[in-house]
Amino acid sequence: MQSQAISQPVSLGLEQNKVLRNTYMMLALTMIPTIIGAFVGMSTNFSFMAQSPIMAPLLMFAVMMGMLFAVSALRNSVWGIAMLLGFTFVAGVFLGPILQTALQLRNGAQLVGMAAGGTGLIFFSLATLATVTKKDFSFMGKFLFIGLILLIVASLANLFFQIPAMSLTISAIAVLIFSAYILYDVSRIVHGGETNYVMATMGLFLSIYNLFIHLLSLLMAFSGERD
């Protein structure tokens, strides 16, 4: 009986480490189609977005939501991995408009590098904190979900109003929310709250993706050098 009681938490810990390891490996793999997609996006003509400043972002949002539901539905099969990689490629393509805008600035390449470096620093810092500390951050889930819904509503509303100050506020709040989501998601994996590495990877990828976009938006607004 005693040996069984000891072996149970040990096996659970090994399983959690396996999920975390597989998640990090898959997360690294998703960066390849994302980068390829970003290069495709940068060479794509997104002039239709200027003609449809409201409908185009809504269409992009609908495509990504549809693919997210597909990843979730297929998460327990090899097709879930394929759909996840396809989703990250499309997400990379959708980076095209903001990367094109950034690279039109004199220091655009530097700002993209700073946003990428800042995103990496935040991710590794918070992932390490969630892994090393024994604290369970799952209590943040409800607050983060409410914050995310309010953020989406505010972003959709600003498609109509196009208020620069509101855009900056949304980006600043988004950086906080998605940084907290990294802490929350890694903590869930470590404490056994998420056992599917496809879904775990998708959650972390979305946090990193959105963190990069909003960091870059803030850097362009405050440090962008226009000709």
C-alpha atoms as a PDB file:
ATOM      1  CA  MET A   1       0.000   0.000   0.000  1.00  0.00           C
ATOM      2  CA  GLN A   2       2.772   2.435   0.940  1.00  0.00           C
ATOM      3  CA  SER A   3       4.726   1.754  -2.264  1.00  0.00           C
ATOM      4  CA  GLN A   4       1.574   2.367  -4.311  1.00  0.00           C
ATOM      5  CA  ALA A   5       0.962   5.663  -2.507  1.00  0.00           C
ATOM      6  CA  ILE A   6       4.518   6.762  -3.297  1.00  0.00           C
ATOM      7  CA  SER A   7       4.513   5.599  -6.917  1.00  0.00           C
ATOM      8  CA  GLN A   8       1.248   7.371  -7.755  1.00  0.00           C
ATOM      9  CA  PRO A   9       2.523  10.982  -7.319  1.00  0.00           C
ATOM     10  CA  VAL A  10       5.832   9.988  -8.941  1.00  0.00           C
ATOM     11  CA  SER A  11       4.062   8.654 -12.046  1.00  0.00           C
ATOM     12  CA  LEU A  12       1.812  11.717 -12.099  1.00  0.00           C
ATOM     13  CA  GLY A  13       4.867  13.985 -11.965  1.00  0.00           C
ATOM     14  CA  LEU A  14       6.517  12.090 -14.807  1.00  0.00           C
ATOM     15  CA  GLU A  15       3.363  12.407 -16.906  1.00  0.00           C
ATOM     16  CA  GLN A  16       3.185  16.167 -16.261  1.00  0.00           C
ATOM     17  CA  ASN A  17       6.866  16.553 -17.222  1.00  0.00           C
ATOM     18  CA  LYS A  18       6.181  14.598 -20.415  1.00  0.00           C
ATOM     19  CA  VAL A  19       3.279  16.886 -21.340  1.00  0.00           C
ATOM     20  CA  LEU A  20       5.401  19.978 -20.633  1.00  0.00           C
ATOM     21  CA  ARG A  21       8.328  18.608 -22.650  1.00  0.00           C
ATOM     22  CA  ASN A  22       6.091  17.666 -25.599  1.00  0.00           C
ATOM     23  CA  THR A  23       4.405  21.075 -25.428  1.00  0.00           C
ATOM     24  CA  TYR A  24       7.709  22.942 -25.624  1.00  0.00           C
ATOM     25  CA  MET A  25       8.876  20.720 -28.512  1.00  0.00           C
ATOM     26  CA  MET A  26       5.623  21.303 -30.402  1.00  0.00           C
ATOM     27  CA  LEU A  27       5.741  25.027 -29.623  1.00  0.00           C
ATOM     28  CA  ALA A  28       9.227  25.235 -31.128  1.00  0.00           C
ATOM     29  CA  LEU A  29       7.978  23.340 -34.187  1.00  0.00           C
ATOM     30  CA  THR A  30       5.068  25.765 -34.685  1.00  0.00           C
ATOM     31  CA  MET A  31       7.535  28.615 -35.107  1.00  0.00           C
ATOM     32  CA  ILE A  32       8.653  27.156 -38.473  1.00  0.00           C
ATOM     33  CA  PRO A  33       5.276  27.458 -40.299  1.00  0.00           C
ATOM     34  CA  THR A  34       4.674  30.777 -38.502  1.00  0.00           C
ATOM     35  CA  ILE A  35       7.902  32.274 -39.865  1.00  0.00           C
ATOM     36  CA  ILE A  36       7.224  30.855 -43.338  1.00  0.00           C
ATOM     37  CA  GLY A  37       3.706  32.275 -43.203  1.00  0.00           C
ATOM     38  CA  ALA A  38       5.049  35.654 -42.093  1.00  0.00           C
ATOM     39  CA  PHE A  39       7.334  35.822 -45.148  1.00  0.00           C
ATOM     40  CA  VAL A  40       4.359  34.905 -47.352  1.00  0.00           C
ATOM     41  CA  GLY A  41       2.293  37.584 -45.613  1.00  0.00           C
ATOM     42  CA  MET A  42       4.949  40.239 -46.106  1.00  0.00           C
ATOM     43  CA  SER A  43       4.968  39.570 -49.865  1.00  0.00           C
ATOM     44  CA  THR A  44       1.152  39.535 -50.096  1.00  0.00           C
ATOM     45  CA  ASN A  45      -0.838  42.551 -51.191  1.00  0.00           C
ATOM     46  CA  PHE A  46      -3.256  43.402 -48.401  1.00  0.00           C
ATOM     47  CA  SER A  47      -4.675  46.470 -50.152  1.00  0.00           C
ATOM     48  CA  PHE A  48      -8.166  44.996 -49.753  1.00  0.00           C
ATOM     49  CA  MET A  49      -7.865  45.725 -46.024  1.00  0.00           C
ATOM     50  CA  ALA A  50      -7.683  49.464 -46.724  1.00  0.00           C
ATOM     51  CA  GLN A  51     -10.835  49.156 -48.823  1.00  0.00           C
ATOM     52  CA  SER A  52     -12.598  47.106 -46.131  1.00  0.00           C
ATOM     53  CA  PRO A  53     -11.095  48.283 -42.815  1.00  0.00           C
ATOM     54  CA  ILE A  54     -13.883  46.600 -40.832  1.00  0.00           C
ATOM     55  CA  MET A  55     -14.823  43.501 -42.819  1.00  0.00           C
ATOM     56  CA  ALA A  56     -11.241  42.341 -43.528  1.00  0.00           C
ATOM     57  CA  PRO A  57     -10.196  42.023 -39.838  1.00  0.00           C
ATOM     58  CA  LEU A  58     -13.529  40.352 -39.036  1.00  0.00           C
ATOM     59  CA  LEU A  59     -12.965  37.860 -41.841  1.00  0.00           C
ATOM     60  CA  MET A  60      -9.441  37.117 -40.590  1.00  0.00           C
ATOM     61  CA  PHE A  61     -10.800  36.683 -37.051  1.00  0.00           C
ATOM     62  CA  ALA A  62     -13.508  34.281 -38.302  1.00  0.00           C
ATOM     63  CA  VAL A  63     -10.952  32.185 -40.233  1.00  0.00           C
ATOM     64  CA  MET A  64      -8.704  31.860 -37.190  1.00  0.00           C
ATOM     65  CA  MET A  65     -11.610  30.988 -34.878  1.00  0.00           C
ATOM     66  CA  GLY A  66     -12.775  28.318 -37.312  1.00  0.00           C
ATOM     67  CA  MET A  67      -9.317  26.762 -37.426  1.00  0.00           C
ATOM     68  CA  LEU A  68      -9.068  26.915 -33.624  1.00  0.00           C
ATOM     69  CA  PHE A  69     -12.289  24.925 -33.310  1.00  0.00           C
ATOM     70  CA  ALA A  70     -10.909  22.408 -35.824  1.00  0.00           C
ATOM     71  CA  VAL A  71      -7.699  21.993 -33.779  1.00  0.00           C
ATOM     72  CA  SER A  72      -9.790  21.465 -30.636  1.00  0.00           C
ATOM     73  CA  ALA A  73     -12.019  18.884 -32.332  1.00  0.00           C
ATOM     74  CA  LEU A  74      -9.027  16.907 -33.662  1.00  0.00           C
ATOM     75  CA  ARG A  75      -6.773  17.335 -30.620  1.00  0.00           C
ATOM     76  CA  ASN A  76      -6.576  13.599 -29.843  1.00  0.00           C
ATOM     77  CA  SER A  77      -5.378  12.535 -33.296  1.00  0.00           C
ATOM     78  CA  VAL A  78      -2.419  13.170 -35.587  1.00  0.00           C
ATOM     79  CA  TRP A  79      -4.732  15.398 -37.622  1.00  0.00           C
ATOM     80  CA  GLY A  80      -4.850  17.730 -34.644  1.00  0.00           C
ATOM     81  CA  ILE A  81      -1.084  18.265 -34.975  1.00  0.00           C
ATOM     82  CA  ALA A  82      -1.444  18.848 -38.724  1.00  0.00           C
ATOM     83  CA  MET A  83      -4.281  21.329 -38.167  1.00  0.00           C
ATOM     84  CA  LEU A  84      -2.259  23.114 -35.459  1.00  0.00           C
ATOM     85  CA  LEU A  85       0.683  23.542 -37.833  1.00  0.00           C
ATOM     86  CA  GLY A  86      -1.711  24.740 -40.548  1.00  0.00           C
ATOM     87  CA  PHE A  87      -3.227  27.219 -38.105  1.00  0.00           C
ATOM     88  CA  THR A  88       0.191  28.622 -37.194  1.00  0.00           C
ATOM     89  CA  PHE A  89       1.024  29.054 -40.887  1.00  0.00           C
ATOM     90  CA  VAL A  90      -2.196  31.034 -41.442  1.00  0.00           C
ATOM     91  CA  ALA A  91      -1.486  33.037 -38.285  1.00  0.00           C
ATOM     92  CA  GLY A  92       1.935  33.859 -39.735  1.00  0.00           C
ATOM     93  CA  VAL A  93       0.369  35.026 -43.002  1.00  0.00           C
ATOM     94  CA  PHE A  94      -1.976  37.274 -41.018  1.00  0.00           C
ATOM     95  CA  LEU A  95       1.082  38.976 -39.500  1.00  0.00           C
ATOM     96  CA  GLY A  96       1.689  40.421 -42.980  1.00  0.00           C
ATOM     97  CA  PRO A  97      -0.143  43.735 -42.550  1.00  0.00           C
ATOM     98  CA  ILE A  98       1.501  44.758 -39.261  1.00  0.00           C
ATOM     99  CA  LEU A  99       4.950  43.625 -40.456  1.00  0.00           C
ATOM    100  CA  GLN A 100       4.531  45.577 -43.707  1.00  0.00           C
ATOM    101  CA  THR A 101       3.541  48.661 -41.718  1.00  0.00           C
ATOM    102  CA  ALA A 102       6.469  48.247 -39.323  1.00  0.00           C
ATOM    103  CA  LEU A 103       9.041  47.754 -42.074  1.00  0.00           C
ATOM    104  CA  GLN A 104       7.958  50.994 -43.733  1.00  0.00           C
ATOM    105  CA  LEU A 105       9.450  52.795 -40.730  1.00  0.00           C
ATOM    106  CA  ARG A 106      13.141  53.733 -40.792  1.00  0.00           C
ATOM    107  CA  ASN A 107      13.775  51.636 -37.683  1.00  0.00           C
ATOM    108  CA  GLY A 108      11.098  49.056 -38.512  1.00  0.00           C
ATOM    109  CA  ALA A 109      13.415  46.033 -38.605  1.00  0.00           C
ATOM    110  CA  GLN A 110      14.828  47.041 -35.218  1.00  0.00           C
ATOM    111  CA  LEU A 111      11.332  47.360 -33.735  1.00  0.00           C
ATOM    112  CA  VAL A 112      10.331  43.916 -35.043  1.00  0.00           C
ATOM    113  CA  GLY A 113      13.478  42.488 -33.459  1.00  0.00           C
ATOM    114  CA  MET A 114      12.761  44.251 -30.174  1.00  0.00           C
ATOM    115  CA  ALA A 115       9.168  42.968 -30.142  1.00  0.00           C
ATOM    116  CA  ALA A 116      10.366  39.414 -30.850  1.00  0.00           C
ATOM    117  CA  GLY A 117      13.084  39.673 -28.185  1.00  0.00           C
ATOM    118  CA  GLY A 118      10.674  41.147 -25.645  1.00  0.00           C
ATOM    119  CA  THR A 119       8.146  38.403 -26.342  1.00  0.00           C
ATOM    120  CA  GLY A 120      10.811  35.727 -25.883  1.00  0.00           C
ATOM    121  CA  LEU A 121      12.066  37.295 -22.652  1.00  0.00           C
ATOM    122  CA  ILE A 122       8.560  37.516 -21.180  1.00  0.00           C
ATOM    123  CA  PHE A 123       7.739  33.945 -22.203  1.00  0.00           C
ATOM    124  CA  PHE A 124      10.906  32.349 -20.805  1.00  0.00           C
ATOM    125  CA  SER A 125      10.732  34.383 -17.588  1.00  0.00           C
ATOM    126  CA  LEU A 126       7.104  33.534 -16.828  1.00  0.00           C
ATOM    127  CA  ALA A 127       7.381  29.916 -18.002  1.00  0.00           C
ATOM    128  CA  THR A 128      10.393  29.453 -15.684  1.00  0.00           C
ATOM    129  CA  LEU A 129       8.514  31.076 -12.805  1.00  0.00           C
ATOM    130  CA  ALA A 130       5.498  28.796 -13.329  1.00  0.00           C
ATOM    131  CA  THR A 131       7.730  25.719 -13.541  1.00  0.00           C
ATOM    132  CA  VAL A 132      10.072  26.428 -10.633  1.00  0.00           C
ATOM    133  CA  THR A 133       7.599  27.828  -8.117  1.00  0.00           C
ATOM    134  CA  LYS A 134       5.190  25.474  -6.368  1.00  0.00           C
ATOM    135  CA  LYS A 135       2.380  28.010  -6.555  1.00  0.00           C
ATOM    136  CA  ASP A 136      -0.677  27.013  -8.591  1.00  0.00           C
ATOM    137  CA  PHE A 137      -1.862  29.933 -10.742  1.00  0.00           C
ATOM    138  CA  SER A 138      -5.077  28.225 -11.908  1.00  0.00           C
ATOM    139  CA  PHE A 139      -7.079  30.676  -9.767  1.00  0.00           C
ATOM    140  CA  MET A 140      -6.361  33.302 -12.445  1.00  0.00           C
ATOM    141  CA  GLY A 141      -8.454  31.475 -15.048  1.00  0.00           C
ATOM    142  CA  LYS A 142     -11.810  33.180 -14.499  1.00  0.00           C
ATOM    143  CA  PHE A 143     -10.330  36.666 -14.249  1.00  0.00           C
ATOM    144  CA  LEU A 144      -8.249  36.164 -17.390  1.00  0.00           C
ATOM    145  CA  PHE A 145     -11.217  34.808 -19.342  1.00  0.00           C
ATOM    146  CA  ILE A 146     -13.361  37.816 -18.403  1.00  0.00           C
ATOM    147  CA  GLY A 147     -10.482  40.136 -19.294  1.00  0.00           C
ATOM    148  CA  LEU A 148     -10.036  38.381 -22.647  1.00  0.00           C
ATOM    149  CA  ILE A 149     -13.728  38.731 -23.520  1.00  0.00           C
ATOM    150  CA  LEU A 150     -13.674  42.432 -22.637  1.00  0.00           C
ATOM    151  CA  LEU A 151     -10.495  42.847 -24.699  1.00  0.00           C
ATOM    152  CA  ILE A 152     -12.123  41.214 -27.747  1.00  0.00           C
ATOM    153  CA  VAL A 153     -15.227  43.378 -27.373  1.00  0.00           C
ATOM    154  CA  ALA A 154     -13.107  46.542 -27.065  1.00  0.00           C
ATOM    155  CA  SER A 155     -11.026  45.531 -30.108  1.00  0.00           C
ATOM    156  CA  LEU A 156     -14.126  44.894 -32.206  1.00  0.00           C
ATOM    157  CA  ALA A 157     -15.637  48.213 -31.092  1.00  0.00           C
ATOM    158  CA  ASN A 158     -12.450  50.050 -32.028  1.00  0.00           C
ATOM    159  CA  LEU A 159     -12.723  48.681 -35.574  1.00  0.00           C
ATOM    160  CA  PHE A 160     -15.651  51.087 -35.943  1.00  0.00           C
ATOM    161  CA  PHE A 161     -14.372  54.022 -33.881  1.00  0.00           C
ATOM    162  CA  GLN A 162     -10.663  53.889 -34.886  1.00  0.00           C
ATOM    163  CA  ILE A 163      -9.503  55.865 -31.824  1.00  0.00           C
ATOM    164  CA  PRO A 164      -5.660  55.871 -31.571  1.00  0.00           C
ATOM    165  CA  ALA A 165      -5.633  56.296 -27.784  1.00  0.00           C
ATOM    166  CA  MET A 166      -8.038  53.379 -27.429  1.00  0.00           C
ATOM    167  CA  SER A 167      -5.803  51.230 -29.648  1.00  0.00           C
ATOM    168  CA  LEU A 168      -2.813  51.959 -27.419  1.00  0.00           C
ATOM    169  CA  THR A 169      -4.832  51.187 -24.290  1.00  0.00           C
ATOM    170  CA  ILE A 170      -6.033  47.902 -25.799  1.00  0.00           C
ATOM    171  CA  SER A 171      -2.467  46.908 -26.707  1.00  0.00           C
ATOM    172  CA  ALA A 172      -1.141  47.756 -23.230  1.00  0.00           C
ATOM    173  CA  ILE A 173      -3.890  45.714 -21.557  1.00  0.00           C
ATOM    174  CA  ALA A 174      -3.381  42.889 -24.051  1.00  0.00           C
ATOM    175  CA  VAL A 175       0.325  42.662 -23.134  1.00  0.00           C
ATOM    176  CA  LEU A 176      -0.658  42.221 -19.476  1.00  0.00           C
ATOM    177  CA  ILE A 177      -3.420  39.688 -20.190  1.00  0.00           C
ATOM    178  CA  PHE A 178      -1.414  37.465 -22.540  1.00  0.00           C
ATOM    179  CA  SER A 179       1.642  37.610 -20.271  1.00  0.00           C
ATOM    180  CA  ALA A 180      -0.586  36.397 -17.436  1.00  0.00           C
ATOM    181  CA  TYR A 181      -1.989  33.695 -19.720  1.00  0.00           C
ATOM    182  CA  ILE A 182       1.537  32.309 -20.241  1.00  0.00           C
ATOM    183  CA  LEU A 183       1.927  32.010 -16.471  1.00  0.00           C
ATOM    184  CA  TYR A 184      -1.538  30.451 -16.171  1.00  0.00           C
ATOM    185  CA  ASP A 185      -1.135  27.948 -19.034  1.00  0.00           C
ATOM    186  CA  VAL A 186       2.303  26.681 -17.987  1.00  0.00           C
ATOM    187  CA  SER A 187       1.082  26.399 -14.385  1.00  0.00           C
ATOM    188  CA  ARG A 188      -1.880  24.286 -15.541  1.00  0.00           C
ATOM    189  CA  ILE A 189       0.464  21.903 -17.355  1.00  0.00           C
ATOM    190  CA  VAL A 190       2.820  21.644 -14.372  1.00  0.00           C
ATOM    191  CA  HIS A 191      -0.053  20.926 -11.961  1.00  0.00           C
ATOM    192  CA  GLY A 192      -1.872  18.480 -14.241  1.00  0.00           C
ATOM    193  CA  GLY A 193      -4.715  20.768 -15.300  1.00  0.00           C
ATOM    194  CA  GLU A 194      -3.887  20.297 -19.010  1.00  0.00           C
ATOM    195  CA  THR A 195      -2.821  16.853 -20.232  1.00  0.00           C
ATOM    196  CA  ASN A 196      -3.230  17.298 -23.996  1.00  0.00           C
ATOM    197  CA  TYR A 197      -0.060  18.807 -25.446  1.00  0.00           C
ATOM    198  CA  VAL A 198      -1.804  19.907 -28.663  1.00  0.00           C
ATOM    199  CA  MET A 199      -4.211  22.099 -26.692  1.00  0.00           C
ATOM    200  CA  ALA A 200      -1.416  23.204 -24.357  1.00  0.00           C
ATOM    201  CA  THR A 201       0.697  24.236 -27.350  1.00  0.00           C
ATOM    202  CA  MET A 202      -2.198  26.095 -28.942  1.00  0.00           C
ATOM    203  CA  GLY A 203      -2.828  28.086 -25.759  1.00  0.00           C
ATOM    204  CA  LEU A 204       0.820  29.106 -25.400  1.00  0.00           C
ATOM    205  CA  PHE A 205       1.158  29.875 -29.111  1.00  0.00           C
ATOM    206  CA  LEU A 206      -1.836  32.222 -29.011  1.00  0.00           C
ATOM    207  CA  SER A 207      -0.408  34.048 -25.992  1.00  0.00           C
ATOM    208  CA  ILE A 208       3.004  34.451 -27.655  1.00  0.00           C
ATOM    209  CA  TYR A 209       1.433  35.470 -30.978  1.00  0.00           C
ATOM    210  CA  ASN A 210      -0.797  38.142 -29.455  1.00  0.00           C
ATOM    211  CA  LEU A 211       1.942  39.329 -27.126  1.00  0.00           C
ATOM    212  CA  PHE A 212       4.240  39.913 -30.108  1.00  0.00           C
ATOM    213  CA  ILE A 213       1.563  41.797 -32.081  1.00  0.00           C
ATOM    214  CA  HIS A 214       0.683  44.151 -29.241  1.00  0.00           C
ATOM    215  CA  LEU A 215       4.289  44.750 -28.187  1.00  0.00           C
ATOM    216  CA  LEU A 216       5.102  45.655 -31.785  1.00  0.00           C
ATOM    217  CA  SER A 217       2.070  47.967 -31.949  1.00  0.00           C
ATOM    218  CA  LEU A 218       3.239  49.816 -28.827  1.00  0.00           C
ATOM    219  CA  LEU A 219       6.812  50.066 -30.081  1.00  0.00           C
ATOM    220  CA  MET A 220       5.655  51.463 -33.429  1.00  0.00           C
ATOM    221  CA  ALA A 221       3.457  54.016 -31.676  1.00  0.00           C
ATOM    222  CA  PHE A 222       6.109  55.267 -29.266  1.00  0.00           C
ATOM    223  CA  SER A 223       9.409  54.601 -31.044  1.00  0.00           C
ATOM    224  CA  GLY A 224       8.580  54.429 -34.746  1.00  0.00           C
ATOM    225  CA  GLU A 225      10.716  56.736 -36.919  1.00  0.00           C
ATOM    226  CA  ARG A 226       8.801  57.919 -39.967  1.00  0.00           C
ATOM    227  CA  ASP A 227      10.439  59.520 -42.986  1.00  0.00           C
END
